[in-house]
Structure formats: structure tokens, C-alpha cells
Amino acid sequence: MTEAWIIDGVRTPRGKGKPSGALHGVHPQELLGGLLRALTDRGLNADDVADVIMGNGEHAGDHANDVARSAVLTAGWPVSVPGVTINRFCGGGQQAVMAAATGVLAGWQNVAVAGGVESMSRHSYGQPLDANNPVLRERYPLVPQGISADLIATLEGFSRADVDAFAARSQELAATAIKENRFARSLVPVTDAAGTVLLDADEHVRPGTTAESLASLPASFARSGAKPRDDRSRSFDDMCREVYPEVGEIQHVHHAGNSSGVVDGSAAVVVASDDYAKAHGLTPRARIVTGAVLGAEPVIMLTAPGPASKQCLRQAGMSVGDIDLWEINEAFAAVPLKVIRDLAIDPDRVNVNGGAIALGHPIGATGAMLLQTVVDELERRDLTTGLVTMCTGGGMATATIVERI
């Protein structure tokens, strides 16, 4: 039976997602194209690549018109290599890798490159999640994700101290990982056309962050949650209470320090069949065991990672205790806290090198980055299995299990 193997993976450092960030001046096509060139430098034969599948959450402006195909061309790869860009919001990069694995397992392709790119400093941030559709808005009064995260915290009883403590842990673990060069195998510096290095390390991390220093930050979504938003003078908090009347007052506990960082970045993973890898003398790093996607109630929006992980485990015939390392994307601190609680996961197995709160979350690229992170760390610790899961816009989640080879 054909298997889908991860052969290699590369990513850029995460640059601060603002005009002053180190990667703001680099077009997203170039962020991704540089990684494609790096893969060929590391031994990949671009002529054999059946498809380049990339996630992106913007699909407009500099990310428009199939950024995956544009990156193939800007990288100087053969014009015979196609590219496709997909959007599952934050789960796009992980979905891209699962799509590549599906193609390999089906026997439709022998090798594909999958991942994602997001230059958040170049985002327009123009459309609400319902794209101004009044019919959808009436059926599901979708609110911004930060409000959804505060709704989760309110329902789950996560205090401001709880989410700040989790955020401080993320910063501490990420700082240690960087100090010990744990990301070195996958990290590719970004250079300009002259070869000058623009960024060679993750730029968003704030070493020395403590729960005490985070406690001084104001809640980010209290004011926006209370402001009237529609012709009925409903606020986002009101909309939450219409769907979840039991919550009463929304406890706004999330802020910039315990939410995922806004960053620029890209990632690319080589997925190949076992037959292709053996025939070309390629050393596999991990096997993609299975993947799952799942939807959940879209107003609370961010609760699907737990159910998606359970589905993934069922498909693999595994249990929570069979997973050595978990990567649960830190969109907001309440998200991994809920998954840890609901699945009774040992916290010491979760996000052991920090997460998006410290490192940043380049939307369509993050899932592929997390897959690289977990494979790298499984190798470093001589462990076997990892599960990556993340919430996405619209009330969905992606989940993937990998097994080290």
C-alpha cells in the first residue's frame, strides 16, 4: 500500500507583520519562491514535482491570482510545474499538506510541495467573515475571532490569570527553543536580490515576558465587543449572548500578549510516495498517518480542534496517550487550554517549543510550519508520533497525525 512520506520541510523566519517588520518589503511570491529554490538546493528535483499546493488566507492584493503558481514562476522552476492556492483560513497550510498526501496516497502524483504563505503586513483586512451577506448574518451572527475566544474563556471559566500564564509559558519555551537552535533544520534565511540577509531568526518573540508583565495590558476586545454593530443596535457581545444566553456578561480576557502574533512568513513541505523516495534514494523523515477536517458552531468559532483531533485519532486507531507531542495552534490562549482540558492531554506534551503567541501566526503558512516543528522535535527527542491541530475561521479545524520514520 502506498504511503505519504515527508521528505523535507523549510520555512522562513516569522517577521513582524507591520511596515517596520523585516519581511514587509518582500513580496509574498518571493517569500514562497525563495523556499522553492531552497528545496532544489537541498536536493529536490523540481522536474518531478506534480503540484505545488499552498494555503493563503487573503487571496487579494499581493496574494491574489494563485500565489502558488506565481511563486513557481518567480522561483525559476520549470513552467511544467503547476500551482494551486487554497483557503481554509488559518488551516490553509495544513490543508495543503493533507491535500498533497491525499494525491500521493491516491496514486495521482509521486511528489508534491505543499505549505503556505502570508504577508500579514500587506493585508487589506477589508471583509468581515460573512462577506456582508445579510442572510448568513441573520442565521449566524459571526463575530471577530477575538470575541469568540473571549466567549470560550467565559464559558470555560478561564480567568485572565489563566490565559496570561499560558502566554508567558509560550514565550519562555520559544525563547529556549531559539537559544538552543531547535528550529535550525527547517529555517531558511530570507535574502534580497543582492544576497543580503534580511531576516534569519523569528522576529516576534519577546524573551523575558512574564505573567506579571502581561497583566498590565488592557483587554483588546472589550470596547469592540460592546459597540453597537447593526440596524438593531446589537453589539458583538449581544450576538454572542443570543446564541449562548447562559453566559451573561462576556469576560474579555484576551489581548495582544496572549493572542497569536501578526507576522509575515512562508513554509513548504515535500510530500512523496514511498516508492518514489526509495527509487530516488531519498531519506524520509515522517509518515503522514491520517488527517481530518471538521466544522463546529461558527459564532464561538474556535472549538473544533478538539473534535477534529478525536476524529483523527479514531481514523488512526489511536488514543490521546499514543501521541508523543502535540502542536495546538495558539490562535488565542483559550483555544489550546480548552483542547488540553477536553482531551485530558498532558500539558508537558503540548507546544513544547512555544507557539503562535510567542512566534506569530502567518495564517495560511502556520499549519505547514507546525508540521515541520513537530517532526523536528520528534527527531530531537527520539520520539515517534505527533498531532497538529488548529482552529480556523468560520468554525472549522484541521488535524494531522505524523509518525517519525
Protein backbone atom coordinates (compact mmCIF):
# COMPACT_ATOMS: atom_id res chain seq x y z
CA MET A 1 0.00 0.00 0.00
CA THR A 2 1.31 3.46 -0.93
CA GLU A 3 2.42 5.72 1.92
CA ALA A 4 2.79 9.52 2.00
CA TRP A 5 6.17 10.48 3.38
CA ILE A 6 7.51 13.87 4.48
CA ILE A 7 10.93 14.14 2.87
CA ASP A 8 11.90 17.69 3.73
CA GLY A 9 10.47 20.95 5.00
CA VAL A 10 11.65 24.54 5.02
CA ARG A 11 10.25 27.78 6.37
CA THR A 12 11.17 31.41 6.59
CA PRO A 13 11.64 33.13 9.90
CA ARG A 14 8.50 34.92 11.03
CA GLY A 15 8.82 38.66 10.55
CA LYS A 16 6.75 41.22 12.43
CA GLY A 17 3.58 41.84 10.45
CA LYS A 18 3.89 45.59 10.20
CA PRO A 19 5.57 48.01 7.77
CA SER A 20 8.62 48.14 10.06
CA GLY A 21 8.95 44.34 10.03
CA ALA A 22 11.97 42.82 8.32
CA LEU A 23 9.91 40.98 5.69
CA HIS A 24 7.38 43.69 4.81
CA GLY A 25 9.38 44.68 1.72
CA VAL A 26 9.46 41.13 0.36
CA HIS A 27 6.60 40.22 -1.97
CA PRO A 28 4.77 37.06 -0.79
CA GLN A 29 5.52 35.41 -4.12
CA GLU A 30 9.21 35.91 -3.33
CA LEU A 31 8.84 34.66 0.25
CA LEU A 32 7.47 31.42 -1.16
CA GLY A 33 9.69 31.33 -4.24
CA GLY A 34 12.79 31.57 -2.08
CA LEU A 35 11.72 28.42 -0.24
CA LEU A 36 11.14 26.56 -3.50
CA ARG A 37 14.67 27.46 -4.58
CA ALA A 38 15.95 26.30 -1.19
CA LEU A 39 14.29 22.92 -1.68
CA THR A 40 16.07 22.39 -5.00
CA ASP A 41 19.33 23.47 -3.36
CA ARG A 42 18.68 20.72 -0.81
CA GLY A 43 18.28 18.07 -3.50
CA LEU A 44 14.68 18.17 -4.74
CA ASN A 45 14.27 17.64 -8.49
CA ALA A 46 11.74 20.30 -9.46
CA ASP A 47 11.00 18.49 -12.75
CA ASP A 48 9.41 15.67 -10.74
CA VAL A 49 7.06 17.87 -8.72
CA ALA A 50 3.48 17.09 -9.75
CA ASP A 51 1.94 20.09 -7.99
CA VAL A 52 2.69 22.98 -5.66
CA ILE A 53 -0.23 23.39 -3.24
CA MET A 54 -0.25 26.43 -0.99
CA GLY A 55 -2.57 27.86 1.64
CA ASN A 56 -3.31 31.55 1.92
CA GLY A 57 -5.93 33.48 3.84
CA GLU A 58 -6.01 36.71 1.85
CA HIS A 59 -6.34 35.87 -1.88
CA ALA A 60 -6.26 39.58 -2.71
CA GLY A 61 -3.75 42.33 -3.33
CA ASP A 62 -0.21 40.94 -3.35
CA HIS A 63 -1.58 37.47 -2.55
CA ALA A 64 -4.01 37.44 -5.48
CA ASN A 65 -4.17 35.35 -8.65
CA ASP A 66 -2.87 31.99 -7.38
CA VAL A 67 0.24 32.90 -5.42
CA ALA A 68 1.41 29.26 -5.57
CA ARG A 69 1.74 29.27 -9.37
CA SER A 70 3.29 32.74 -9.29
CA ALA A 71 5.87 31.51 -6.78
CA VAL A 72 6.75 28.58 -9.05
CA LEU A 73 7.46 31.05 -11.84
CA THR A 74 9.34 33.54 -9.69
CA ALA A 75 11.47 30.69 -8.31
CA GLY A 76 12.60 29.81 -11.83
CA TRP A 77 11.16 26.31 -11.63
CA PRO A 78 10.14 24.53 -14.85
CA VAL A 79 6.97 26.01 -16.32
CA SER A 80 5.53 22.48 -16.40
CA VAL A 81 5.14 22.56 -12.60
CA PRO A 82 1.60 23.74 -11.74
CA GLY A 83 0.49 25.52 -8.60
CA VAL A 84 -2.80 25.91 -6.75
CA THR A 85 -3.74 28.15 -3.83
CA ILE A 86 -6.39 27.09 -1.33
CA ASN A 87 -8.15 28.85 1.52
CA ARG A 88 -9.23 27.19 4.72
CA PHE A 89 -8.46 30.36 6.63
CA CYS A 90 -5.80 29.63 9.29
CA GLY A 91 -5.76 25.94 8.35
CA GLY A 92 -4.72 26.52 4.73
CA GLY A 93 -1.11 25.41 5.08
CA GLN A 94 -2.04 22.25 6.95
CA GLN A 95 -4.84 21.55 4.49
CA ALA A 96 -2.36 21.93 1.63
CA VAL A 97 -0.09 19.27 3.12
CA MET A 98 -3.05 16.95 3.63
CA ALA A 99 -4.13 17.55 0.03
CA ALA A 100 -0.65 16.63 -1.17
CA ALA A 101 -0.74 13.48 0.95
CA THR A 102 -4.16 12.59 -0.46
CA GLY A 103 -2.86 12.89 -4.01
CA VAL A 104 0.13 10.70 -3.20
CA LEU A 105 -1.98 8.09 -1.43
CA ALA A 106 -4.39 8.02 -4.37
CA GLY A 107 -1.52 7.34 -6.75
CA TRP A 108 -2.19 10.51 -8.74
CA GLN A 109 1.21 12.05 -8.01
CA ASN A 110 4.57 10.86 -6.77
CA VAL A 111 5.87 14.06 -5.21
CA ALA A 112 4.26 17.40 -4.33
CA VAL A 113 5.29 20.50 -2.45
CA ALA A 114 2.74 21.93 -0.03
CA GLY A 115 2.60 24.69 2.55
CA GLY A 116 1.54 28.29 2.58
CA VAL A 117 2.42 31.96 2.65
CA GLU A 118 1.07 35.04 4.37
CA SER A 119 2.42 38.58 4.40
CA MET A 120 0.11 39.93 7.07
CA SER A 121 1.81 43.32 6.92
CA ARG A 122 0.34 43.59 3.40
CA HIS A 123 -3.20 42.51 4.30
CA SER A 124 -6.14 44.73 3.47
CA TYR A 125 -8.38 43.43 6.31
CA GLY A 126 -11.39 44.62 4.33
CA GLN A 127 -14.09 41.95 4.63
CA PRO A 128 -15.95 40.57 7.64
CA LEU A 129 -16.29 36.81 7.84
CA ASP A 130 -19.81 36.86 6.44
CA ALA A 131 -18.66 38.97 3.46
CA ASN A 132 -21.59 41.31 4.17
CA ASN A 133 -24.20 38.67 3.34
CA PRO A 134 -27.32 39.63 5.37
CA VAL A 135 -28.85 36.14 5.02
CA LEU A 136 -25.81 34.47 6.57
CA ARG A 137 -25.59 37.20 9.20
CA GLU A 138 -29.14 36.56 10.29
CA ARG A 139 -28.58 32.82 10.52
CA TYR A 140 -25.17 33.04 12.20
CA PRO A 141 -24.18 36.41 13.67
CA LEU A 142 -20.48 35.85 13.11
CA VAL A 143 -18.20 37.87 15.37
CA PRO A 144 -14.45 38.55 15.21
CA GLN A 145 -12.27 35.71 16.45
CA GLY A 146 -11.07 37.64 19.49
CA ILE A 147 -14.65 37.95 20.68
CA SER A 148 -15.11 34.20 20.07
CA ALA A 149 -12.00 33.49 22.12
CA ASP A 150 -13.37 35.59 25.00
CA LEU A 151 -16.67 33.70 24.70
CA ILE A 152 -14.79 30.41 25.07
CA ALA A 153 -12.93 31.74 28.11
CA THR A 154 -16.22 32.87 29.67
CA LEU A 155 -17.94 29.53 29.11
CA GLU A 156 -14.92 27.52 30.24
CA GLY A 157 -14.13 29.70 33.24
CA PHE A 158 -10.63 30.58 32.07
CA SER A 159 -9.53 33.64 34.02
CA ARG A 160 -7.25 36.43 32.89
CA ALA A 161 -4.56 34.85 35.06
CA ASP A 162 -5.02 31.50 33.29
CA VAL A 163 -4.58 32.87 29.78
CA ASP A 164 -1.70 35.13 30.78
CA ALA A 165 0.13 32.22 32.43
CA PHE A 166 -0.25 30.17 29.26
CA ALA A 167 1.07 33.07 27.18
CA ALA A 168 4.09 33.53 29.41
CA ARG A 169 4.83 29.81 29.07
CA SER A 170 4.73 30.14 25.27
CA GLN A 171 7.24 32.97 25.35
CA GLU A 172 9.57 31.13 27.71
CA LEU A 173 9.54 27.91 25.69
CA ALA A 174 10.02 29.72 22.38
CA ALA A 175 12.96 31.69 23.76
CA THR A 176 14.57 28.43 24.90
CA ALA A 177 13.96 26.78 21.53
CA ILE A 178 15.61 29.69 19.71
CA LYS A 179 18.55 29.78 22.12
CA GLU A 180 19.10 26.05 21.57
CA ASN A 181 18.68 26.31 17.76
CA ARG A 182 15.82 23.83 17.72
CA PHE A 183 14.36 25.36 14.55
CA ALA A 184 17.65 25.35 12.64
CA ARG A 185 16.96 22.34 10.37
CA SER A 186 13.87 23.90 8.80
CA LEU A 187 14.72 27.59 8.96
CA VAL A 188 15.89 29.30 5.74
CA PRO A 189 17.05 32.94 5.98
CA VAL A 190 15.33 35.45 3.72
CA THR A 191 17.65 37.45 1.48
CA ASP A 192 17.20 40.26 -1.02
CA ALA A 193 18.16 40.13 -4.69
CA ALA A 194 21.75 41.02 -3.83
CA GLY A 195 22.00 38.16 -1.34
CA THR A 196 21.89 40.37 1.75
CA VAL A 197 20.20 38.60 4.67
CA LEU A 198 17.01 40.39 5.66
CA LEU A 199 15.95 38.03 8.45
CA ASP A 200 17.44 34.83 9.81
CA ALA A 201 15.53 34.37 13.09
CA ASP A 202 11.94 34.68 14.27
CA GLU A 203 11.32 38.36 14.96
CA HIS A 204 8.17 38.37 17.08
CA VAL A 205 9.37 36.57 20.24
CA ARG A 206 9.59 38.65 23.40
CA PRO A 207 12.05 36.95 25.79
CA GLY A 208 11.55 37.78 29.42
CA THR A 209 7.78 38.11 29.16
CA THR A 210 6.09 37.16 32.42
CA ALA A 211 2.52 36.70 33.55
CA GLU A 212 3.02 39.78 35.70
CA SER A 213 4.06 41.95 32.76
CA LEU A 214 1.14 40.64 30.69
CA ALA A 215 -1.30 41.52 33.47
CA SER A 216 -0.77 45.23 32.78
CA LEU A 217 -2.08 45.01 29.20
CA PRO A 218 -5.68 46.09 28.56
CA ALA A 219 -8.16 43.58 27.16
CA SER A 220 -8.26 44.03 23.38
CA PHE A 221 -11.87 43.21 22.63
CA ALA A 222 -13.94 44.74 25.44
CA ARG A 223 -14.64 48.01 23.66
CA SER A 224 -15.26 46.44 20.24
CA GLY A 225 -17.46 43.81 21.87
CA ALA A 226 -19.73 46.42 23.43
CA LYS A 227 -20.13 48.75 20.42
CA PRO A 228 -23.49 48.61 18.52
CA ARG A 229 -22.92 46.99 15.13
CA ASP A 230 -26.14 46.58 13.13
CA ASP A 231 -29.50 48.18 12.45
CA ARG A 232 -30.83 46.61 15.65
CA SER A 233 -28.03 48.18 17.68
CA ARG A 234 -26.68 44.74 18.55
CA SER A 235 -23.08 44.57 19.72
CA PHE A 236 -20.81 41.59 19.14
CA ASP A 237 -21.32 40.68 22.80
CA ASP A 238 -25.09 40.81 22.24
CA MET A 239 -24.74 38.47 19.27
CA CYS A 240 -22.80 36.00 21.40
CA ARG A 241 -25.49 36.13 24.08
CA GLU A 242 -28.22 35.46 21.52
CA VAL A 243 -26.53 32.14 20.68
CA TYR A 244 -25.22 31.45 24.21
CA PRO A 245 -27.73 33.11 26.58
CA GLU A 246 -26.27 31.30 29.55
CA VAL A 247 -23.05 33.34 29.52
CA GLY A 248 -24.43 36.66 30.74
CA GLU A 249 -21.56 39.13 30.63
CA ILE A 250 -18.67 38.24 28.30
CA GLN A 251 -15.38 38.18 30.19
CA HIS A 252 -12.85 39.86 27.90
CA VAL A 253 -9.51 38.34 28.86
CA HIS A 254 -7.55 38.26 25.59
CA HIS A 255 -5.11 40.92 24.47
CA ALA A 256 -2.08 41.28 22.21
CA GLY A 257 0.13 39.40 24.66
CA ASN A 258 -1.97 36.21 24.92
CA SER A 259 -3.19 36.10 21.32
CA SER A 260 -1.30 34.96 18.23
CA GLY A 261 1.21 37.39 16.81
CA VAL A 262 0.63 39.11 13.46
CA VAL A 263 3.58 38.13 11.27
CA ASP A 264 4.84 37.54 7.73
CA GLY A 265 6.17 34.13 6.68
CA SER A 266 6.06 31.11 4.43
CA ALA A 267 6.59 27.34 4.62
CA ALA A 268 6.98 24.44 2.19
CA VAL A 269 6.93 20.67 2.80
CA VAL A 270 7.96 17.95 0.34
CA VAL A 271 5.50 15.04 0.33
CA ALA A 272 6.37 11.95 -1.71
CA SER A 273 5.26 8.36 -2.15
CA ASP A 274 7.38 5.70 -0.54
CA ASP A 275 8.08 4.19 -3.98
CA TYR A 276 9.35 7.49 -5.36
CA ALA A 277 11.51 8.12 -2.29
CA LYS A 278 13.08 4.67 -2.45
CA ALA A 279 13.69 4.89 -6.20
CA HIS A 280 15.46 8.23 -5.84
CA GLY A 281 17.41 7.48 -2.69
CA LEU A 282 15.53 10.00 -0.57
CA THR A 283 15.55 9.58 3.21
CA PRO A 284 12.07 10.02 4.69
CA ARG A 285 11.57 11.90 7.92
CA ALA A 286 7.96 11.06 8.77
CA ARG A 287 4.85 9.32 7.50
CA ILE A 288 1.58 11.19 7.27
CA VAL A 289 -0.71 8.77 9.08
CA THR A 290 -4.06 10.48 8.59
CA GLY A 291 -5.75 13.85 8.59
CA ALA A 292 -9.16 15.24 9.40
CA VAL A 293 -11.17 18.42 8.98
CA LEU A 294 -14.29 19.25 10.95
CA GLY A 295 -16.75 22.08 11.41
CA ALA A 296 -18.31 23.38 14.62
CA GLU A 297 -20.72 26.12 15.67
CA PRO A 298 -19.40 29.23 13.87
CA VAL A 299 -20.20 32.00 16.37
CA ILE A 300 -17.97 30.52 19.04
CA MET A 301 -15.89 29.54 16.01
CA LEU A 302 -12.70 28.23 17.65
CA THR A 303 -13.85 25.00 19.33
CA ALA A 304 -13.34 22.47 16.52
CA PRO A 305 -9.69 21.44 17.21
CA GLY A 306 -10.71 19.04 19.99
CA PRO A 307 -13.36 17.19 17.93
CA ALA A 308 -11.12 17.21 14.83
CA SER A 309 -8.28 15.69 16.87
CA LYS A 310 -10.62 13.00 18.20
CA GLN A 311 -11.72 12.18 14.66
CA CYS A 312 -8.12 11.99 13.52
CA LEU A 313 -7.27 9.64 16.38
CA ARG A 314 -10.27 7.43 15.58
CA GLN A 315 -9.20 7.17 11.95
CA ALA A 316 -5.71 6.14 13.02
CA GLY A 317 -6.95 3.70 15.68
CA MET A 318 -5.05 5.67 18.29
CA SER A 319 -5.76 7.34 21.63
CA VAL A 320 -4.61 10.60 23.20
CA GLY A 321 -1.91 8.73 25.12
CA ASP A 322 -0.39 7.43 21.86
CA ILE A 323 0.65 10.94 20.82
CA ASP A 324 4.11 11.94 21.99
CA LEU A 325 3.94 15.61 21.01
CA TRP A 326 1.03 17.93 20.26
CA GLU A 327 1.05 21.18 18.34
CA ILE A 328 -2.19 23.05 19.08
CA ASN A 329 -2.10 26.40 17.35
CA GLU A 330 -2.18 29.28 19.79
CA ALA A 331 -4.66 31.48 17.94
CA PHE A 332 -5.72 32.69 21.39
CA ALA A 333 -4.69 31.20 24.72
CA ALA A 334 -8.18 29.85 25.44
CA VAL A 335 -8.05 27.59 22.36
CA PRO A 336 -5.23 25.23 23.41
CA LEU A 337 -6.37 25.45 27.04
CA LYS A 338 -9.78 24.08 26.03
CA VAL A 339 -8.30 21.30 23.87
CA ILE A 340 -5.94 20.27 26.68
CA ARG A 341 -8.85 20.15 29.14
CA ASP A 342 -11.35 18.41 26.83
CA LEU A 343 -8.95 15.68 25.70
CA ALA A 344 -7.11 15.34 29.03
CA ILE A 345 -3.74 15.93 27.35
CA ASP A 346 -0.56 16.14 29.40
CA PRO A 347 0.36 19.86 29.07
CA ASP A 348 4.05 18.95 29.03
CA ARG A 349 3.48 17.34 25.61
CA VAL A 350 1.86 20.44 24.10
CA ASN A 351 3.68 23.19 22.18
CA VAL A 352 6.98 22.33 23.77
CA ASN A 353 8.83 24.96 21.73
CA GLY A 354 6.25 27.67 22.31
CA GLY A 355 3.58 28.61 19.82
CA ALA A 356 1.94 31.37 17.87
CA ILE A 357 1.52 33.63 20.90
CA ALA A 358 5.30 33.97 21.04
CA LEU A 359 6.35 33.14 17.48
CA GLY A 360 3.44 34.52 15.47
CA HIS A 361 0.76 33.07 13.22
CA PRO A 362 1.22 33.75 9.49
CA ILE A 363 -2.31 32.42 8.75
CA GLY A 364 -2.01 30.26 5.61
CA ALA A 365 1.57 29.21 6.38
CA THR A 366 1.24 28.22 10.04
CA GLY A 367 -0.04 24.67 9.63
CA ALA A 368 2.92 23.68 7.47
CA MET A 369 5.26 25.35 9.96
CA LEU A 370 3.76 23.38 12.84
CA LEU A 371 4.18 20.10 10.95
CA GLN A 372 7.85 20.93 10.46
CA THR A 373 8.20 21.90 14.10
CA VAL A 374 6.73 18.65 15.38
CA VAL A 375 8.82 16.48 13.03
CA ASP A 376 11.99 18.35 14.01
CA GLU A 377 11.20 17.93 17.70
CA LEU A 378 10.28 14.25 17.39
CA GLU A 379 13.72 13.69 15.89
CA ARG A 380 15.46 15.77 18.54
CA ARG A 381 13.77 13.88 21.38
CA ASP A 382 13.86 10.49 19.65
CA LEU A 383 10.06 10.19 19.85
CA THR A 384 7.58 8.76 17.36
CA THR A 385 4.17 10.38 16.94
CA GLY A 386 2.87 13.92 16.69
CA LEU A 387 -0.53 15.52 16.21
CA VAL A 388 -1.01 19.01 14.80
CA THR A 389 -4.36 20.78 15.06
CA MET A 390 -5.59 24.32 14.60
CA CYS A 391 -8.81 26.29 14.63
CA THR A 392 -9.84 28.25 11.55
CA GLY A 393 -12.26 30.99 10.63
CA GLY A 394 -15.87 30.05 10.11
CA GLY A 395 -15.84 27.44 12.87
CA MET A 396 -13.56 24.69 11.49
CA ALA A 397 -10.39 22.84 12.39
CA THR A 398 -7.68 20.77 10.75
CA ALA A 399 -5.83 17.88 12.38
CA THR A 400 -2.98 15.69 11.16
CA ILE A 401 -1.07 12.80 12.71
CA VAL A 402 2.53 12.15 11.67
CA GLU A 403 4.78 9.25 12.58
CA ARG A 404 8.53 9.55 12.53
CA ILE A 405 10.32 7.12 10.27
